[in-house]
Amino acid sequence: MNQTPTQIAERARAIRLAIFDVDGVLTDGRLFFMPDGTEFKSFNTLDGHGIKMLIASGVEVAIISGRNSPLVERRASALGIQHLIQGREDKLTALAELRERVAAEMHEIAFLGDDLPDLPVMRRVGLGMAVASADSFVRKHAHGITTAVGGAGAAREFCELIMQAQGTLEEAQAAYL
């Protein structure tokens, strides 16, 4: 199902809502637990700034995660992510709830995932992409695959791809010159 860069850019032009999975996408997928049950996750600052730029460009951002984590809630808040749905293994139901909140059509939604639970959403949205480190079956069914792995720039690449297609990336970058 992988598409050409031109086809992906065409899909990206229509995006109004970008959704991210967490473990394996915004992180490298490893889970760290202390003996007391405290959880640690490692987030990439490049990914975080990409998300901030995407929001500033006018695209709404959401997270749908199968796990519950106060760390994800904190990270989403710090980045200004407008919609957070956690602890939901049925990501299609979560997507339907998001569509009601955002009033976005399926072709206006992008999703970045890495594993089988992400696949039902990836296959239904306008732009369903996988990170380079995603499960091989998921990569096979994605519209496109990032060159970066999860937790190491894949989210930034996804954000910039959407912004480039919508003509907002150069202006966002120029603000730093």
N, C-alpha and C. Protein backbone atom coordinates (compact mmCIF):
# COMPACT_ATOMS: atom_id res chain seq x y z
N MET A 1 0.81 -1.20 0.00
CA MET A 1 0.00 0.00 0.00
C MET A 1 0.86 1.27 0.00
N ASN A 2 2.17 1.12 0.18
CA ASN A 2 3.04 2.30 0.18
C ASN A 2 2.86 3.11 -1.09
N GLN A 3 2.84 4.41 -0.93
CA GLN A 3 2.59 5.30 -2.05
C GLN A 3 3.82 6.13 -2.38
N THR A 4 3.78 6.80 -3.51
CA THR A 4 4.90 7.63 -3.92
C THR A 4 4.93 8.90 -3.07
N PRO A 5 6.08 9.57 -3.01
CA PRO A 5 6.14 10.85 -2.29
C PRO A 5 5.11 11.87 -2.79
N THR A 6 4.83 11.88 -4.08
CA THR A 6 3.84 12.80 -4.64
C THR A 6 2.45 12.47 -4.12
N GLN A 7 2.10 11.19 -4.09
CA GLN A 7 0.79 10.77 -3.58
C GLN A 7 0.66 11.09 -2.08
N ILE A 8 1.73 10.88 -1.33
CA ILE A 8 1.72 11.18 0.10
C ILE A 8 1.54 12.69 0.32
N ALA A 9 2.25 13.50 -0.46
CA ALA A 9 2.12 14.96 -0.34
C ALA A 9 0.69 15.40 -0.66
N GLU A 10 0.07 14.79 -1.65
CA GLU A 10 -1.32 15.12 -1.98
C GLU A 10 -2.23 14.82 -0.80
N ARG A 11 -2.03 13.69 -0.16
CA ARG A 11 -2.82 13.33 1.02
C ARG A 11 -2.55 14.32 2.16
N ALA A 12 -1.30 14.70 2.34
CA ALA A 12 -0.89 15.56 3.45
C ALA A 12 -1.46 16.98 3.33
N ARG A 13 -1.70 17.44 2.12
CA ARG A 13 -2.24 18.79 1.92
C ARG A 13 -3.59 18.99 2.60
N ALA A 14 -4.39 17.93 2.71
CA ALA A 14 -5.75 18.03 3.25
C ALA A 14 -5.82 17.88 4.77
N ILE A 15 -4.70 17.59 5.42
CA ILE A 15 -4.73 17.23 6.84
C ILE A 15 -5.08 18.42 7.75
N ARG A 16 -6.07 18.18 8.61
CA ARG A 16 -6.49 19.16 9.63
C ARG A 16 -6.26 18.64 11.04
N LEU A 17 -6.09 17.30 11.16
CA LEU A 17 -5.86 16.65 12.45
C LEU A 17 -4.78 15.60 12.29
N ALA A 18 -3.72 15.71 13.09
CA ALA A 18 -2.65 14.71 13.09
C ALA A 18 -2.68 13.98 14.42
N ILE A 19 -2.70 12.66 14.34
CA ILE A 19 -2.79 11.82 15.54
C ILE A 19 -1.52 10.99 15.66
N PHE A 20 -1.04 10.87 16.89
CA PHE A 20 0.16 10.10 17.18
C PHE A 20 -0.14 9.00 18.19
N ASP A 21 0.43 7.82 17.96
CA ASP A 21 0.53 6.81 18.99
C ASP A 21 1.70 7.25 19.88
N VAL A 22 1.88 6.62 21.03
CA VAL A 22 2.97 7.03 21.92
C VAL A 22 4.12 6.02 21.90
N ASP A 23 3.91 4.86 22.51
CA ASP A 23 5.01 3.89 22.65
C ASP A 23 5.42 3.35 21.28
N GLY A 24 6.67 3.60 20.92
CA GLY A 24 7.19 3.18 19.63
C GLY A 24 7.10 4.26 18.56
N VAL A 25 6.41 5.37 18.87
CA VAL A 25 6.28 6.49 17.93
C VAL A 25 6.88 7.75 18.55
N LEU A 26 6.30 8.21 19.65
CA LEU A 26 6.86 9.36 20.37
C LEU A 26 7.98 8.93 21.31
N THR A 27 8.08 7.62 21.56
CA THR A 27 9.19 7.04 22.32
C THR A 27 9.79 5.93 21.47
N ASP A 28 10.88 5.36 21.95
CA ASP A 28 11.50 4.26 21.21
C ASP A 28 10.81 2.92 21.46
N GLY A 29 9.76 2.94 22.26
CA GLY A 29 8.98 1.74 22.50
C GLY A 29 9.37 0.98 23.75
N ARG A 30 10.51 1.33 24.33
CA ARG A 30 10.92 0.64 25.55
C ARG A 30 10.15 1.22 26.73
N LEU A 31 9.81 0.35 27.69
CA LEU A 31 9.12 0.77 28.90
C LEU A 31 10.05 0.51 30.08
N PHE A 32 10.23 1.52 30.92
CA PHE A 32 11.11 1.40 32.08
C PHE A 32 10.26 1.51 33.34
N PHE A 33 10.40 0.52 34.24
CA PHE A 33 9.66 0.51 35.50
C PHE A 33 10.62 0.35 36.66
N MET A 34 10.45 1.20 37.65
CA MET A 34 11.22 1.09 38.88
C MET A 34 10.54 0.04 39.77
N PRO A 35 11.25 -0.45 40.79
CA PRO A 35 10.65 -1.45 41.68
C PRO A 35 9.35 -0.98 42.33
N ASP A 36 9.21 0.33 42.53
CA ASP A 36 7.97 0.85 43.15
C ASP A 36 6.85 1.05 42.14
N GLY A 37 7.10 0.68 40.87
CA GLY A 37 6.07 0.82 39.84
C GLY A 37 6.15 2.11 39.06
N THR A 38 7.03 3.01 39.47
CA THR A 38 7.21 4.27 38.73
C THR A 38 7.67 3.96 37.32
N GLU A 39 7.08 4.67 36.37
CA GLU A 39 7.36 4.44 34.96
C GLU A 39 8.21 5.58 34.40
N PHE A 40 9.11 5.26 33.50
CA PHE A 40 9.91 6.26 32.80
C PHE A 40 9.71 6.09 31.29
N LYS A 41 9.68 7.21 30.59
CA LYS A 41 9.65 7.21 29.12
C LYS A 41 10.64 8.27 28.67
N SER A 42 11.18 8.09 27.49
CA SER A 42 12.10 9.05 26.92
C SER A 42 11.49 9.64 25.66
N PHE A 43 11.29 10.96 25.66
CA PHE A 43 10.74 11.66 24.51
C PHE A 43 11.83 12.48 23.84
N ASN A 44 11.74 12.63 22.53
CA ASN A 44 12.73 13.36 21.75
C ASN A 44 12.32 14.82 21.62
N THR A 45 13.24 15.74 21.91
CA THR A 45 12.91 17.17 21.83
C THR A 45 12.68 17.63 20.40
N LEU A 46 13.33 17.01 19.42
CA LEU A 46 13.08 17.37 18.02
C LEU A 46 11.64 17.05 17.64
N ASP A 47 11.17 15.89 18.09
CA ASP A 47 9.78 15.51 17.84
C ASP A 47 8.84 16.52 18.50
N GLY A 48 9.15 16.89 19.73
CA GLY A 48 8.30 17.83 20.45
C GLY A 48 8.20 19.17 19.76
N HIS A 49 9.32 19.67 19.26
CA HIS A 49 9.27 20.96 18.58
C HIS A 49 8.53 20.84 17.25
N GLY A 50 8.66 19.72 16.58
CA GLY A 50 7.90 19.50 15.35
C GLY A 50 6.41 19.55 15.61
N ILE A 51 5.97 18.95 16.70
CA ILE A 51 4.56 18.98 17.07
C ILE A 51 4.11 20.41 17.37
N LYS A 52 4.94 21.15 18.09
CA LYS A 52 4.60 22.56 18.38
C LYS A 52 4.47 23.36 17.09
N MET A 53 5.38 23.14 16.15
CA MET A 53 5.31 23.86 14.87
C MET A 53 4.05 23.47 14.09
N LEU A 54 3.70 22.19 14.12
CA LEU A 54 2.51 21.72 13.40
C LEU A 54 1.26 22.37 13.99
N ILE A 55 1.17 22.44 15.30
CA ILE A 55 0.04 23.10 15.95
C ILE A 55 -0.01 24.57 15.57
N ALA A 56 1.14 25.23 15.60
CA ALA A 56 1.20 26.65 15.25
C ALA A 56 0.79 26.89 13.79
N SER A 57 0.97 25.88 12.95
CA SER A 57 0.60 26.02 11.54
C SER A 57 -0.91 25.89 11.31
N GLY A 58 -1.64 25.50 12.37
CA GLY A 58 -3.08 25.40 12.26
C GLY A 58 -3.64 23.99 12.23
N VAL A 59 -2.78 22.99 12.32
CA VAL A 59 -3.23 21.60 12.34
C VAL A 59 -3.44 21.19 13.80
N GLU A 60 -4.59 20.61 14.10
CA GLU A 60 -4.83 20.12 15.45
C GLU A 60 -4.08 18.82 15.64
N VAL A 61 -3.69 18.55 16.88
CA VAL A 61 -2.89 17.36 17.19
C VAL A 61 -3.56 16.58 18.31
N ALA A 62 -3.50 15.26 18.17
CA ALA A 62 -4.07 14.36 19.17
C ALA A 62 -3.12 13.20 19.43
N ILE A 63 -3.30 12.60 20.57
CA ILE A 63 -2.63 11.35 20.92
C ILE A 63 -3.71 10.33 21.22
N ILE A 64 -3.54 9.14 20.66
CA ILE A 64 -4.36 7.99 21.05
C ILE A 64 -3.38 6.90 21.47
N SER A 65 -3.46 6.50 22.74
CA SER A 65 -2.56 5.49 23.26
C SER A 65 -3.33 4.37 23.94
N GLY A 66 -2.85 3.17 23.77
CA GLY A 66 -3.47 2.02 24.40
C GLY A 66 -3.18 1.94 25.89
N ARG A 67 -2.14 2.63 26.33
CA ARG A 67 -1.75 2.60 27.74
C ARG A 67 -2.10 3.92 28.40
N ASN A 68 -2.26 3.90 29.72
CA ASN A 68 -2.44 5.10 30.52
C ASN A 68 -1.11 5.47 31.16
N SER A 69 -0.75 6.74 31.07
CA SER A 69 0.50 7.18 31.68
C SER A 69 0.41 8.66 32.04
N PRO A 70 0.66 8.97 33.30
CA PRO A 70 0.71 10.39 33.69
C PRO A 70 1.83 11.14 32.95
N LEU A 71 2.88 10.41 32.56
CA LEU A 71 3.98 11.04 31.82
C LEU A 71 3.49 11.54 30.45
N VAL A 72 2.64 10.77 29.81
CA VAL A 72 2.10 11.16 28.51
C VAL A 72 1.19 12.38 28.68
N GLU A 73 0.40 12.38 29.73
CA GLU A 73 -0.47 13.53 30.00
C GLU A 73 0.37 14.80 30.19
N ARG A 74 1.45 14.66 30.92
CA ARG A 74 2.35 15.80 31.16
C ARG A 74 3.02 16.27 29.87
N ARG A 75 3.47 15.32 29.06
CA ARG A 75 4.13 15.67 27.79
C ARG A 75 3.15 16.34 26.84
N ALA A 76 1.95 15.80 26.73
CA ALA A 76 0.93 16.38 25.86
C ALA A 76 0.62 17.81 26.28
N SER A 77 0.49 18.04 27.57
CA SER A 77 0.20 19.38 28.09
C SER A 77 1.35 20.34 27.77
N ALA A 78 2.58 19.89 27.96
CA ALA A 78 3.75 20.73 27.71
C ALA A 78 3.86 21.13 26.24
N LEU A 79 3.41 20.25 25.35
CA LEU A 79 3.50 20.54 23.91
C LEU A 79 2.27 21.27 23.37
N GLY A 80 1.23 21.40 24.18
CA GLY A 80 0.02 22.06 23.72
C GLY A 80 -0.87 21.17 22.87
N ILE A 81 -0.72 19.86 23.02
CA ILE A 81 -1.54 18.92 22.27
C ILE A 81 -2.98 19.04 22.75
N GLN A 82 -3.89 19.27 21.81
CA GLN A 82 -5.27 19.61 22.14
C GLN A 82 -6.11 18.42 22.58
N HIS A 83 -5.80 17.22 22.11
CA HIS A 83 -6.66 16.06 22.36
C HIS A 83 -5.81 14.88 22.82
N LEU A 84 -6.18 14.30 23.97
CA LEU A 84 -5.44 13.17 24.51
C LEU A 84 -6.43 12.08 24.92
N ILE A 85 -6.26 10.91 24.32
CA ILE A 85 -7.08 9.75 24.67
C ILE A 85 -6.12 8.63 25.03
N GLN A 86 -6.18 8.18 26.28
CA GLN A 86 -5.29 7.12 26.76
C GLN A 86 -6.09 5.92 27.24
N GLY A 87 -5.39 4.80 27.34
CA GLY A 87 -5.97 3.58 27.86
C GLY A 87 -7.04 2.98 26.96
N ARG A 88 -6.87 3.19 25.67
CA ARG A 88 -7.88 2.75 24.72
C ARG A 88 -7.26 1.83 23.69
N GLU A 89 -7.48 0.56 23.86
CA GLU A 89 -6.95 -0.40 22.88
C GLU A 89 -7.77 -0.40 21.60
N ASP A 90 -9.04 -0.02 21.68
CA ASP A 90 -9.87 0.10 20.48
C ASP A 90 -9.69 1.52 19.94
N LYS A 91 -8.69 1.66 19.13
CA LYS A 91 -8.34 2.99 18.63
C LYS A 91 -9.35 3.51 17.60
N LEU A 92 -10.09 2.63 16.96
CA LEU A 92 -11.13 3.09 16.03
C LEU A 92 -12.25 3.83 16.77
N THR A 93 -12.63 3.34 17.93
CA THR A 93 -13.64 4.02 18.73
C THR A 93 -13.11 5.37 19.19
N ALA A 94 -11.85 5.41 19.60
CA ALA A 94 -11.23 6.67 20.01
C ALA A 94 -11.19 7.64 18.83
N LEU A 95 -10.91 7.14 17.64
CA LEU A 95 -10.90 7.98 16.44
C LEU A 95 -12.28 8.58 16.19
N ALA A 96 -13.32 7.78 16.34
CA ALA A 96 -14.69 8.27 16.14
C ALA A 96 -15.00 9.40 17.13
N GLU A 97 -14.57 9.26 18.37
CA GLU A 97 -14.77 10.32 19.36
C GLU A 97 -14.02 11.60 18.96
N LEU A 98 -12.80 11.44 18.50
CA LEU A 98 -12.02 12.60 18.06
C LEU A 98 -12.68 13.30 16.88
N ARG A 99 -13.20 12.53 15.96
CA ARG A 99 -13.86 13.12 14.78
C ARG A 99 -15.05 13.97 15.20
N GLU A 100 -15.76 13.57 16.23
CA GLU A 100 -16.87 14.38 16.72
C GLU A 100 -16.38 15.68 17.32
N ARG A 101 -15.28 15.63 18.06
CA ARG A 101 -14.71 16.83 18.69
C ARG A 101 -14.16 17.81 17.66
N VAL A 102 -13.49 17.27 16.66
CA VAL A 102 -12.78 18.10 15.69
C VAL A 102 -13.60 18.36 14.44
N ALA A 103 -14.60 17.55 14.21
CA ALA A 103 -15.43 17.64 13.00
C ALA A 103 -14.57 17.54 11.74
N ALA A 104 -13.68 16.56 11.73
CA ALA A 104 -12.81 16.34 10.58
C ALA A 104 -13.30 15.12 9.80
N GLU A 105 -13.20 15.22 8.50
CA GLU A 105 -13.49 14.09 7.63
C GLU A 105 -12.27 13.15 7.65
N MET A 106 -12.50 11.90 7.30
CA MET A 106 -11.40 10.92 7.34
C MET A 106 -10.22 11.34 6.47
N HIS A 107 -10.48 11.93 5.31
CA HIS A 107 -9.37 12.32 4.43
C HIS A 107 -8.59 13.51 4.98
N GLU A 108 -9.09 14.14 6.05
CA GLU A 108 -8.41 15.28 6.68
C GLU A 108 -7.64 14.87 7.93
N ILE A 109 -7.51 13.57 8.15
CA ILE A 109 -6.85 13.05 9.35
C ILE A 109 -5.61 12.26 8.95
N ALA A 110 -4.52 12.49 9.71
CA ALA A 110 -3.28 11.73 9.53
C ALA A 110 -3.00 10.99 10.83
N PHE A 111 -2.37 9.84 10.72
CA PHE A 111 -2.02 9.04 11.90
C PHE A 111 -0.63 8.47 11.72
N LEU A 112 0.17 8.53 12.79
CA LEU A 112 1.51 7.93 12.78
C LEU A 112 1.55 6.84 13.84
N GLY A 113 1.80 5.60 13.39
CA GLY A 113 1.80 4.47 14.31
C GLY A 113 2.95 3.53 14.06
N ASP A 114 2.94 2.43 14.83
CA ASP A 114 4.05 1.48 14.72
C ASP A 114 3.67 0.02 14.88
N ASP A 115 2.49 -0.28 15.43
CA ASP A 115 2.19 -1.68 15.73
C ASP A 115 0.77 -2.05 15.32
N LEU A 116 0.46 -3.30 15.41
CA LEU A 116 -0.82 -3.83 14.93
C LEU A 116 -2.05 -3.09 15.47
N PRO A 117 -2.10 -2.70 16.76
CA PRO A 117 -3.29 -1.98 17.23
C PRO A 117 -3.51 -0.64 16.51
N ASP A 118 -2.48 -0.11 15.87
CA ASP A 118 -2.59 1.15 15.14
C ASP A 118 -3.15 0.97 13.72
N LEU A 119 -3.03 -0.23 13.21
CA LEU A 119 -3.36 -0.50 11.81
C LEU A 119 -4.81 -0.18 11.42
N PRO A 120 -5.82 -0.50 12.22
CA PRO A 120 -7.18 -0.15 11.81
C PRO A 120 -7.38 1.34 11.57
N VAL A 121 -6.75 2.18 12.39
CA VAL A 121 -6.85 3.63 12.19
C VAL A 121 -6.03 4.04 10.97
N MET A 122 -4.81 3.55 10.88
CA MET A 122 -3.93 3.91 9.77
C MET A 122 -4.57 3.62 8.41
N ARG A 123 -5.32 2.54 8.33
CA ARG A 123 -5.91 2.14 7.05
C ARG A 123 -7.15 2.95 6.68
N ARG A 124 -7.72 3.69 7.63
CA ARG A 124 -8.97 4.41 7.36
C ARG A 124 -8.80 5.91 7.19
N VAL A 125 -7.70 6.45 7.70
CA VAL A 125 -7.51 7.90 7.63
C VAL A 125 -6.92 8.31 6.28
N GLY A 126 -6.91 9.61 6.05
CA GLY A 126 -6.40 10.12 4.79
C GLY A 126 -4.92 9.88 4.58
N LEU A 127 -4.15 9.94 5.67
CA LEU A 127 -2.71 9.70 5.60
C LEU A 127 -2.31 8.84 6.79
N GLY A 128 -2.09 7.57 6.56
CA GLY A 128 -1.67 6.63 7.60
C GLY A 128 -0.23 6.24 7.39
N MET A 129 0.63 6.69 8.29
CA MET A 129 2.06 6.42 8.13
C MET A 129 2.60 5.60 9.29
N ALA A 130 3.70 4.91 9.01
CA ALA A 130 4.39 4.10 10.00
C ALA A 130 5.80 4.65 10.21
N VAL A 131 6.31 4.49 11.42
CA VAL A 131 7.70 4.86 11.68
C VAL A 131 8.59 3.76 11.11
N ALA A 132 9.84 4.08 10.85
CA ALA A 132 10.77 3.11 10.25
C ALA A 132 10.93 1.86 11.09
N SER A 133 10.79 2.00 12.40
CA SER A 133 10.95 0.86 13.31
C SER A 133 9.65 0.09 13.55
N ALA A 134 8.61 0.40 12.80
CA ALA A 134 7.31 -0.27 12.97
C ALA A 134 7.39 -1.74 12.59
N ASP A 135 6.43 -2.48 13.08
CA ASP A 135 6.26 -3.88 12.70
C ASP A 135 6.21 -3.98 11.16
N SER A 136 6.81 -5.00 10.59
CA SER A 136 6.89 -5.11 9.13
C SER A 136 5.52 -5.20 8.47
N PHE A 137 4.56 -5.86 9.10
CA PHE A 137 3.21 -5.95 8.55
C PHE A 137 2.54 -4.57 8.52
N VAL A 138 2.79 -3.78 9.55
CA VAL A 138 2.24 -2.42 9.62
C VAL A 138 2.88 -1.56 8.54
N ARG A 139 4.19 -1.65 8.38
CA ARG A 139 4.88 -0.87 7.34
C ARG A 139 4.32 -1.20 5.96
N LYS A 140 4.02 -2.48 5.74
CA LYS A 140 3.51 -2.93 4.44
C LYS A 140 2.16 -2.29 4.11
N HIS A 141 1.36 -1.97 5.12
CA HIS A 141 0.02 -1.45 4.92
C HIS A 141 -0.11 0.06 5.13
N ALA A 142 1.00 0.73 5.36
CA ALA A 142 0.98 2.18 5.56
C ALA A 142 1.05 2.89 4.21
N HIS A 143 0.53 4.12 4.16
CA HIS A 143 0.69 4.93 2.95
C HIS A 143 2.16 5.26 2.74
N GLY A 144 2.87 5.47 3.84
CA GLY A 144 4.28 5.80 3.76
C GLY A 144 4.98 5.44 5.06
N ILE A 145 6.31 5.48 5.01
CA ILE A 145 7.13 5.12 6.16
C ILE A 145 8.16 6.23 6.36
N THR A 146 8.30 6.67 7.60
CA THR A 146 9.32 7.68 7.89
C THR A 146 10.70 7.06 7.74
N THR A 147 11.71 7.88 7.53
CA THR A 147 13.08 7.37 7.49
C THR A 147 13.61 7.22 8.91
N ALA A 148 13.09 8.01 9.85
CA ALA A 148 13.52 7.95 11.24
C ALA A 148 12.71 6.90 12.00
N VAL A 149 13.32 6.36 13.05
CA VAL A 149 12.64 5.39 13.90
C VAL A 149 11.85 6.11 14.98
N GLY A 150 10.95 5.38 15.61
CA GLY A 150 10.15 5.94 16.68
C GLY A 150 11.01 6.44 17.83
N GLY A 151 10.66 7.61 18.34
CA GLY A 151 11.38 8.20 19.46
C GLY A 151 12.68 8.88 19.06
N ALA A 152 12.97 8.94 17.77
CA ALA A 152 14.23 9.52 17.31
C ALA A 152 14.04 10.35 16.05
N GLY A 153 13.00 11.17 16.03
CA GLY A 153 12.81 12.08 14.91
C GLY A 153 11.70 11.71 13.95
N ALA A 154 11.05 10.56 14.13
CA ALA A 154 9.97 10.16 13.22
C ALA A 154 8.79 11.12 13.29
N ALA A 155 8.42 11.54 14.49
CA ALA A 155 7.29 12.47 14.63
C ALA A 155 7.62 13.82 13.99
N ARG A 156 8.85 14.28 14.14
CA ARG A 156 9.27 15.54 13.52
C ARG A 156 9.17 15.43 12.00
N GLU A 157 9.65 14.33 11.46
CA GLU A 157 9.60 14.09 10.02
C GLU A 157 8.15 14.10 9.52
N PHE A 158 7.26 13.46 10.26
CA PHE A 158 5.83 13.41 9.93
C PHE A 158 5.23 14.81 9.95
N CYS A 159 5.54 15.58 10.99
CA CYS A 159 5.04 16.96 11.09
C CYS A 159 5.53 17.81 9.93
N GLU A 160 6.81 17.72 9.65
CA GLU A 160 7.39 18.53 8.57
C GLU A 160 6.86 18.11 7.21
N LEU A 161 6.58 16.83 7.03
CA LEU A 161 6.00 16.36 5.77
C LEU A 161 4.64 17.03 5.55
N ILE A 162 3.81 17.08 6.58
CA ILE A 162 2.50 17.72 6.48
C ILE A 162 2.66 19.21 6.23
N MET A 163 3.53 19.85 6.98
CA MET A 163 3.74 21.29 6.82
C MET A 163 4.29 21.63 5.44
N GLN A 164 5.22 20.81 4.95
CA GLN A 164 5.78 21.04 3.61
C GLN A 164 4.68 20.97 2.56
N ALA A 165 3.83 19.97 2.67
CA ALA A 165 2.74 19.79 1.70
C ALA A 165 1.74 20.94 1.76
N GLN A 166 1.58 21.53 2.94
CA GLN A 166 0.62 22.62 3.12
C GLN A 166 1.25 23.99 2.94
N GLY A 167 2.54 24.03 2.65
CA GLY A 167 3.21 25.30 2.38
C GLY A 167 3.49 26.14 3.62
N THR A 168 3.57 25.51 4.80
CA THR A 168 3.80 26.27 6.03
C THR A 168 5.17 26.03 6.64
N LEU A 169 5.92 25.08 6.14
CA LEU A 169 7.20 24.71 6.76
C LEU A 169 8.25 25.81 6.63
N GLU A 170 8.42 26.34 5.43
CA GLU A 170 9.48 27.35 5.22
C GLU A 170 9.26 28.57 6.10
N GLU A 171 8.02 29.01 6.22
CA GLU A 171 7.72 30.18 7.06
C GLU A 171 8.03 29.88 8.52
N ALA A 172 7.68 28.68 8.98
CA ALA A 172 7.96 28.30 10.37
C ALA A 172 9.46 28.25 10.62
N GLN A 173 10.23 27.73 9.69
CA GLN A 173 11.67 27.66 9.84
C GLN A 173 12.30 29.04 9.75
N ALA A 174 11.78 29.88 8.86
CA ALA A 174 12.33 31.21 8.67
C ALA A 174 12.22 32.07 9.93
N ALA A 175 11.27 31.78 10.77
CA ALA A 175 11.10 32.54 12.02
C ALA A 175 12.31 32.42 12.92
N TYR A 176 13.18 31.42 12.68
CA TYR A 176 14.35 31.21 13.51
C TYR A 176 15.62 31.81 12.91
N LEU A 177 15.49 32.42 11.74
CA LEU A 177 16.70 33.00 11.10
C LEU A 177 16.96 34.40 11.60
